[in-house]
Amino acid sequence: MNAKDLGRRLRSAREARGLSQQAVAHALSLPRTAVTQLEAGSRSVSTLELTRLSELYLQPVADLLHEGPGDEDRDVLVALHRLAPGLEDDPTTCEQVARCVHLCREGVALERLLDTEPRSGPPSYEMRLPRSSVSG
């Protein structure tokens, strides 16, 4: 992936989170002009910066670097916004949903790294429920 394509992805991810370049610069302890240069593709992105941007934008690094057509159509957040118009009107809810999606993506990535068996639904845990202390 070239620097200009990565810059476009970074800008898109920033805008999707509703962050200004100044807010990103402050979070990364960089001048705003550095963020502008990153997004323009005229400044390279260090691995540390990419990791911190990934965390800030709630997207795995792999998603920022992935070169594939139609990524936007497969993005679960885009699908949610299409199914629930107005979701982005409530920043708190939108951030909570984005954090949950990020956590799920990280879980899937971890399962791949650990080479666990694929499953068709949420995980099931073999634990008994605690007994209620209130007798009925």
N, C-alpha and C. Protein backbone atom coordinates (compact mmCIF):
# COMPACT_ATOMS: atom_id res chain seq x y z
N MET A 1 0.85 -1.17 0.00
CA MET A 1 0.00 0.00 0.00
C MET A 1 0.90 1.23 0.00
N ASN A 2 0.56 2.18 -0.85
CA ASN A 2 1.38 3.39 -0.89
C ASN A 2 0.91 4.40 0.16
N ALA A 3 1.73 5.41 0.38
CA ALA A 3 1.48 6.40 1.44
C ALA A 3 0.19 7.18 1.20
N LYS A 4 -0.12 7.48 -0.05
CA LYS A 4 -1.34 8.25 -0.34
C LYS A 4 -2.60 7.44 -0.02
N ASP A 5 -2.59 6.15 -0.36
CA ASP A 5 -3.74 5.30 -0.04
C ASP A 5 -3.92 5.16 1.47
N LEU A 6 -2.81 4.96 2.18
CA LEU A 6 -2.88 4.86 3.63
C LEU A 6 -3.39 6.18 4.21
N GLY A 7 -2.90 7.29 3.69
CA GLY A 7 -3.36 8.60 4.14
C GLY A 7 -4.85 8.77 3.97
N ARG A 8 -5.38 8.32 2.83
CA ARG A 8 -6.83 8.41 2.58
C ARG A 8 -7.59 7.55 3.59
N ARG A 9 -7.07 6.37 3.88
CA ARG A 9 -7.73 5.49 4.86
C ARG A 9 -7.71 6.11 6.26
N LEU A 10 -6.58 6.71 6.61
CA LEU A 10 -6.48 7.35 7.91
C LEU A 10 -7.46 8.52 8.02
N ARG A 11 -7.55 9.30 6.98
CA ARG A 11 -8.49 10.43 6.99
C ARG A 11 -9.93 9.93 7.11
N SER A 12 -10.26 8.91 6.34
CA SER A 12 -11.60 8.35 6.38
C SER A 12 -11.94 7.81 7.77
N ALA A 13 -10.98 7.11 8.39
CA ALA A 13 -11.18 6.56 9.73
C ALA A 13 -11.35 7.69 10.75
N ARG A 14 -10.57 8.74 10.60
CA ARG A 14 -10.68 9.89 11.52
C ARG A 14 -12.04 10.53 11.39
N GLU A 15 -12.47 10.76 10.16
CA GLU A 15 -13.76 11.41 9.93
C GLU A 15 -14.91 10.53 10.41
N ALA A 16 -14.78 9.21 10.25
CA ALA A 16 -15.81 8.28 10.72
C ALA A 16 -15.97 8.36 12.23
N ARG A 17 -14.89 8.65 12.93
CA ARG A 17 -14.95 8.81 14.40
C ARG A 17 -15.34 10.21 14.82
N GLY A 18 -15.46 11.11 13.83
CA GLY A 18 -15.86 12.48 14.15
C GLY A 18 -14.78 13.28 14.84
N LEU A 19 -13.53 12.96 14.57
CA LEU A 19 -12.41 13.64 15.21
C LEU A 19 -11.80 14.67 14.27
N SER A 20 -11.36 15.76 14.82
CA SER A 20 -10.65 16.77 14.03
C SER A 20 -9.17 16.39 13.96
N GLN A 21 -8.48 16.98 13.00
CA GLN A 21 -7.04 16.75 12.92
C GLN A 21 -6.36 17.25 14.19
N GLN A 22 -6.85 18.33 14.74
CA GLN A 22 -6.27 18.89 15.96
C GLN A 22 -6.41 17.91 17.13
N ALA A 23 -7.60 17.28 17.24
CA ALA A 23 -7.83 16.31 18.32
C ALA A 23 -6.89 15.11 18.18
N VAL A 24 -6.69 14.65 16.95
CA VAL A 24 -5.79 13.52 16.71
C VAL A 24 -4.36 13.93 17.03
N ALA A 25 -3.98 15.12 16.59
CA ALA A 25 -2.63 15.62 16.87
C ALA A 25 -2.38 15.69 18.37
N HIS A 26 -3.37 16.19 19.11
CA HIS A 26 -3.23 16.29 20.57
C HIS A 26 -3.09 14.90 21.20
N ALA A 27 -3.91 13.94 20.74
CA ALA A 27 -3.87 12.58 21.29
C ALA A 27 -2.53 11.89 21.01
N LEU A 28 -1.90 12.23 19.89
CA LEU A 28 -0.63 11.62 19.51
C LEU A 28 0.58 12.47 19.88
N SER A 29 0.32 13.62 20.49
CA SER A 29 1.39 14.57 20.85
C SER A 29 2.21 14.97 19.62
N LEU A 30 1.49 15.30 18.56
CA LEU A 30 2.11 15.74 17.30
C LEU A 30 1.54 17.11 16.94
N PRO A 31 2.25 17.87 16.11
CA PRO A 31 1.63 19.09 15.58
C PRO A 31 0.53 18.72 14.58
N ARG A 32 -0.47 19.56 14.46
CA ARG A 32 -1.57 19.30 13.53
C ARG A 32 -1.06 19.11 12.11
N THR A 33 -0.01 19.86 11.76
CA THR A 33 0.54 19.74 10.40
C THR A 33 1.05 18.34 10.11
N ALA A 34 1.53 17.64 11.15
CA ALA A 34 2.00 16.26 10.97
C ALA A 34 0.83 15.36 10.59
N VAL A 35 -0.32 15.56 11.22
CA VAL A 35 -1.52 14.77 10.89
C VAL A 35 -1.95 15.07 9.45
N THR A 36 -1.91 16.35 9.08
CA THR A 36 -2.24 16.75 7.71
C THR A 36 -1.31 16.05 6.71
N GLN A 37 -0.03 16.00 7.03
CA GLN A 37 0.94 15.36 6.15
C GLN A 37 0.73 13.85 6.08
N LEU A 38 0.37 13.23 7.21
CA LEU A 38 0.07 11.79 7.22
C LEU A 38 -1.09 11.49 6.27
N GLU A 39 -2.14 12.29 6.39
CA GLU A 39 -3.34 12.05 5.59
C GLU A 39 -3.11 12.38 4.11
N ALA A 40 -2.18 13.25 3.83
CA ALA A 40 -1.87 13.59 2.44
C ALA A 40 -0.90 12.58 1.82
N GLY A 41 -0.30 11.75 2.66
CA GLY A 41 0.66 10.77 2.17
C GLY A 41 2.04 11.35 1.94
N SER A 42 2.28 12.55 2.47
CA SER A 42 3.59 13.18 2.27
C SER A 42 4.52 12.96 3.46
N ARG A 43 4.06 12.24 4.47
CA ARG A 43 4.88 11.90 5.64
C ARG A 43 4.61 10.44 5.96
N SER A 44 5.66 9.70 6.22
CA SER A 44 5.46 8.28 6.54
C SER A 44 4.91 8.13 7.95
N VAL A 45 4.23 7.03 8.18
CA VAL A 45 3.62 6.73 9.47
C VAL A 45 4.47 5.69 10.16
N SER A 46 4.91 5.99 11.36
CA SER A 46 5.69 5.00 12.11
C SER A 46 4.75 3.91 12.63
N THR A 47 5.32 2.77 12.98
CA THR A 47 4.49 1.68 13.50
C THR A 47 3.83 2.08 14.81
N LEU A 48 4.52 2.85 15.63
CA LEU A 48 3.94 3.31 16.88
C LEU A 48 2.76 4.25 16.59
N GLU A 49 2.92 5.17 15.65
CA GLU A 49 1.84 6.08 15.30
C GLU A 49 0.65 5.31 14.73
N LEU A 50 0.93 4.33 13.89
CA LEU A 50 -0.14 3.54 13.29
C LEU A 50 -0.91 2.77 14.37
N THR A 51 -0.20 2.24 15.34
CA THR A 51 -0.84 1.53 16.45
C THR A 51 -1.71 2.48 17.26
N ARG A 52 -1.20 3.65 17.55
CA ARG A 52 -1.97 4.63 18.33
C ARG A 52 -3.17 5.15 17.55
N LEU A 53 -3.01 5.34 16.23
CA LEU A 53 -4.14 5.76 15.39
C LEU A 53 -5.20 4.67 15.35
N SER A 54 -4.76 3.42 15.28
CA SER A 54 -5.68 2.29 15.28
C SER A 54 -6.54 2.29 16.55
N GLU A 55 -5.90 2.51 17.68
CA GLU A 55 -6.62 2.55 18.95
C GLU A 55 -7.57 3.74 19.00
N LEU A 56 -7.11 4.87 18.54
CA LEU A 56 -7.92 6.10 18.56
C LEU A 56 -9.13 5.97 17.64
N TYR A 57 -8.94 5.33 16.50
CA TYR A 57 -10.01 5.20 15.50
C TYR A 57 -10.85 3.94 15.72
N LEU A 58 -10.48 3.13 16.72
CA LEU A 58 -11.19 1.89 17.03
C LEU A 58 -11.25 0.95 15.83
N GLN A 59 -10.12 0.84 15.14
CA GLN A 59 -10.00 -0.07 14.00
C GLN A 59 -8.70 -0.83 14.13
N PRO A 60 -8.73 -2.12 13.88
CA PRO A 60 -7.48 -2.87 13.90
C PRO A 60 -6.50 -2.35 12.84
N VAL A 61 -5.24 -2.43 13.13
CA VAL A 61 -4.21 -1.98 12.19
C VAL A 61 -4.40 -2.69 10.85
N ALA A 62 -4.73 -3.97 10.90
CA ALA A 62 -4.91 -4.74 9.66
C ALA A 62 -5.98 -4.13 8.78
N ASP A 63 -7.05 -3.59 9.38
CA ASP A 63 -8.11 -2.96 8.58
C ASP A 63 -7.61 -1.69 7.92
N LEU A 64 -6.75 -0.97 8.61
CA LEU A 64 -6.21 0.26 8.02
C LEU A 64 -5.27 -0.06 6.86
N LEU A 65 -4.61 -1.21 6.92
CA LEU A 65 -3.63 -1.57 5.89
C LEU A 65 -4.19 -2.49 4.81
N HIS A 66 -5.35 -3.09 5.05
CA HIS A 66 -5.91 -4.07 4.11
C HIS A 66 -6.24 -3.42 2.77
N GLU A 67 -5.77 -4.07 1.71
CA GLU A 67 -6.05 -3.59 0.36
C GLU A 67 -7.04 -4.53 -0.30
N GLY A 68 -8.31 -4.20 -0.20
CA GLY A 68 -9.31 -5.03 -0.84
C GLY A 68 -10.48 -4.20 -1.29
N PRO A 69 -11.11 -4.57 -2.40
CA PRO A 69 -12.26 -3.82 -2.86
C PRO A 69 -13.47 -4.07 -1.98
N GLY A 70 -14.28 -3.05 -1.84
CA GLY A 70 -15.54 -3.21 -1.14
C GLY A 70 -15.43 -3.30 0.36
N ASP A 71 -14.33 -2.86 0.94
CA ASP A 71 -14.18 -2.91 2.40
C ASP A 71 -15.32 -2.17 3.09
N GLU A 72 -15.73 -1.05 2.52
CA GLU A 72 -16.78 -0.25 3.16
C GLU A 72 -18.08 -1.03 3.25
N ASP A 73 -18.40 -1.79 2.21
CA ASP A 73 -19.65 -2.56 2.22
C ASP A 73 -19.62 -3.68 3.23
N ARG A 74 -18.43 -4.19 3.57
CA ARG A 74 -18.34 -5.27 4.54
C ARG A 74 -18.18 -4.74 5.97
N ASP A 75 -17.97 -3.47 6.13
CA ASP A 75 -17.76 -2.91 7.46
C ASP A 75 -19.06 -2.94 8.25
N VAL A 76 -19.01 -3.58 9.39
CA VAL A 76 -20.21 -3.73 10.21
C VAL A 76 -20.74 -2.38 10.70
N LEU A 77 -19.87 -1.42 10.94
CA LEU A 77 -20.34 -0.11 11.37
C LEU A 77 -21.14 0.59 10.27
N VAL A 78 -20.69 0.45 9.04
CA VAL A 78 -21.44 1.03 7.92
C VAL A 78 -22.80 0.36 7.83
N ALA A 79 -22.82 -0.96 7.98
CA ALA A 79 -24.09 -1.69 7.93
C ALA A 79 -25.03 -1.24 9.05
N LEU A 80 -24.49 -1.06 10.24
CA LEU A 80 -25.32 -0.60 11.36
C LEU A 80 -25.91 0.78 11.10
N HIS A 81 -25.11 1.67 10.54
CA HIS A 81 -25.60 3.01 10.25
C HIS A 81 -26.69 2.98 9.18
N ARG A 82 -26.58 2.04 8.26
CA ARG A 82 -27.62 1.91 7.24
C ARG A 82 -28.90 1.34 7.83
N LEU A 83 -28.77 0.39 8.75
CA LEU A 83 -29.94 -0.23 9.37
C LEU A 83 -30.59 0.65 10.43
N ALA A 84 -29.79 1.48 11.07
CA ALA A 84 -30.30 2.33 12.15
C ALA A 84 -29.94 3.78 11.88
N PRO A 85 -30.63 4.40 10.91
CA PRO A 85 -30.32 5.80 10.62
C PRO A 85 -30.51 6.65 11.88
N GLY A 86 -29.63 7.58 12.06
CA GLY A 86 -29.70 8.43 13.24
C GLY A 86 -28.84 7.94 14.38
N LEU A 87 -28.27 6.75 14.22
CA LEU A 87 -27.40 6.20 15.27
C LEU A 87 -26.26 7.16 15.58
N GLU A 88 -25.74 7.78 14.52
CA GLU A 88 -24.61 8.70 14.71
C GLU A 88 -25.03 10.01 15.39
N ASP A 89 -26.34 10.23 15.55
CA ASP A 89 -26.80 11.45 16.22
C ASP A 89 -26.52 11.43 17.72
N ASP A 90 -26.36 10.25 18.27
CA ASP A 90 -26.06 10.12 19.70
C ASP A 90 -24.61 9.67 19.85
N PRO A 91 -23.70 10.61 20.09
CA PRO A 91 -22.27 10.27 20.14
C PRO A 91 -21.93 9.19 21.16
N THR A 92 -22.61 9.18 22.29
CA THR A 92 -22.31 8.19 23.33
C THR A 92 -22.65 6.79 22.84
N THR A 93 -23.83 6.63 22.27
CA THR A 93 -24.24 5.32 21.75
C THR A 93 -23.32 4.90 20.61
N CYS A 94 -23.03 5.82 19.73
CA CYS A 94 -22.17 5.52 18.59
C CYS A 94 -20.79 5.06 19.06
N GLU A 95 -20.25 5.71 20.05
CA GLU A 95 -18.94 5.32 20.58
C GLU A 95 -19.00 3.96 21.25
N GLN A 96 -20.09 3.69 21.99
CA GLN A 96 -20.22 2.39 22.64
C GLN A 96 -20.32 1.26 21.61
N VAL A 97 -21.09 1.50 20.55
CA VAL A 97 -21.21 0.50 19.49
C VAL A 97 -19.85 0.28 18.83
N ALA A 98 -19.15 1.37 18.54
CA ALA A 98 -17.84 1.25 17.90
C ALA A 98 -16.87 0.49 18.79
N ARG A 99 -16.91 0.72 20.10
CA ARG A 99 -16.02 0.00 21.02
C ARG A 99 -16.36 -1.49 21.05
N CYS A 100 -17.67 -1.82 21.04
CA CYS A 100 -18.08 -3.23 21.03
C CYS A 100 -17.61 -3.92 19.76
N VAL A 101 -17.78 -3.25 18.62
CA VAL A 101 -17.34 -3.81 17.35
C VAL A 101 -15.82 -4.01 17.37
N HIS A 102 -15.10 -3.01 17.89
CA HIS A 102 -13.64 -3.13 17.98
C HIS A 102 -13.25 -4.32 18.85
N LEU A 103 -13.92 -4.48 19.98
CA LEU A 103 -13.63 -5.60 20.88
C LEU A 103 -13.92 -6.94 20.18
N CYS A 104 -15.01 -7.02 19.45
CA CYS A 104 -15.34 -8.25 18.72
C CYS A 104 -14.30 -8.56 17.66
N ARG A 105 -13.87 -7.52 16.93
CA ARG A 105 -12.85 -7.72 15.91
C ARG A 105 -11.54 -8.21 16.53
N GLU A 106 -11.17 -7.63 17.65
CA GLU A 106 -9.94 -8.05 18.33
C GLU A 106 -10.08 -9.49 18.81
N GLY A 107 -11.26 -9.86 19.29
CA GLY A 107 -11.50 -11.23 19.73
C GLY A 107 -11.35 -12.22 18.58
N VAL A 108 -11.91 -11.87 17.44
CA VAL A 108 -11.80 -12.73 16.26
C VAL A 108 -10.34 -12.85 15.83
N ALA A 109 -9.63 -11.71 15.84
CA ALA A 109 -8.21 -11.75 15.46
C ALA A 109 -7.42 -12.63 16.44
N LEU A 110 -7.74 -12.54 17.72
CA LEU A 110 -7.06 -13.36 18.73
C LEU A 110 -7.36 -14.84 18.51
N GLU A 111 -8.62 -15.15 18.21
CA GLU A 111 -8.98 -16.55 17.94
C GLU A 111 -8.21 -17.08 16.73
N ARG A 112 -8.03 -16.25 15.71
CA ARG A 112 -7.25 -16.68 14.54
C ARG A 112 -5.80 -16.94 14.93
N LEU A 113 -5.24 -16.03 15.74
CA LEU A 113 -3.85 -16.21 16.17
C LEU A 113 -3.68 -17.49 16.99
N LEU A 114 -4.68 -17.80 17.82
CA LEU A 114 -4.62 -18.98 18.67
C LEU A 114 -5.05 -20.24 17.94
N ASP A 115 -5.49 -20.07 16.68
CA ASP A 115 -5.91 -21.19 15.85
C ASP A 115 -7.00 -22.02 16.52
N THR A 116 -8.01 -21.33 17.04
CA THR A 116 -9.13 -22.03 17.68
C THR A 116 -10.09 -22.53 16.61
N GLU A 117 -10.91 -23.48 16.99
CA GLU A 117 -11.90 -24.04 16.07
C GLU A 117 -12.95 -22.98 15.75
N PRO A 118 -13.34 -22.86 14.48
CA PRO A 118 -14.39 -21.90 14.12
C PRO A 118 -15.72 -22.31 14.74
N ARG A 119 -16.56 -21.34 15.01
CA ARG A 119 -17.90 -21.61 15.54
C ARG A 119 -18.91 -20.75 14.79
N SER A 120 -20.15 -21.10 14.92
CA SER A 120 -21.18 -20.41 14.14
C SER A 120 -21.95 -19.38 14.96
N GLY A 121 -21.64 -19.20 16.19
CA GLY A 121 -22.36 -18.25 17.03
C GLY A 121 -21.47 -17.72 18.13
N PRO A 122 -22.07 -17.09 19.11
CA PRO A 122 -21.26 -16.58 20.22
C PRO A 122 -20.65 -17.72 21.02
N PRO A 123 -19.60 -17.41 21.77
CA PRO A 123 -18.96 -18.48 22.56
C PRO A 123 -19.90 -18.98 23.65
N SER A 124 -19.75 -20.24 23.98
CA SER A 124 -20.51 -20.77 25.11
C SER A 124 -19.51 -21.18 26.17
N TYR A 125 -19.84 -20.92 27.39
CA TYR A 125 -18.94 -21.20 28.49
C TYR A 125 -19.54 -22.29 29.36
N GLU A 126 -18.75 -23.25 29.68
CA GLU A 126 -19.21 -24.38 30.47
C GLU A 126 -19.11 -24.03 31.96
N MET A 127 -19.97 -23.14 32.40
CA MET A 127 -19.98 -22.75 33.80
C MET A 127 -21.42 -22.83 34.32
N ARG A 128 -21.56 -23.28 35.53
CA ARG A 128 -22.88 -23.31 36.14
C ARG A 128 -23.21 -21.95 36.69
N LEU A 129 -24.47 -21.62 36.65
CA LEU A 129 -24.92 -20.37 37.24
C LEU A 129 -24.87 -20.49 38.75
N PRO A 130 -24.55 -19.39 39.44
CA PRO A 130 -24.51 -19.45 40.92
C PRO A 130 -25.90 -19.67 41.47
N ARG A 131 -25.96 -20.35 42.59
CA ARG A 131 -27.26 -20.56 43.25
C ARG A 131 -27.71 -19.26 43.88
N SER A 132 -28.98 -19.02 43.81
CA SER A 132 -29.55 -17.82 44.41
C SER A 132 -29.57 -18.00 45.92
N SER A 133 -29.20 -16.93 46.62
CA SER A 133 -29.20 -16.99 48.09
C SER A 133 -30.60 -16.72 48.65
N VAL A 134 -31.52 -16.30 47.78
CA VAL A 134 -32.89 -16.04 48.21
C VAL A 134 -33.71 -17.30 47.96
N SER A 135 -34.33 -17.82 48.99
CA SER A 135 -35.15 -19.00 48.80
C SER A 135 -36.57 -18.59 48.46
N GLY A 136 -37.20 -19.30 47.57
CA GLY A 136 -38.51 -18.92 47.08
C GLY A 136 -39.55 -19.75 47.61
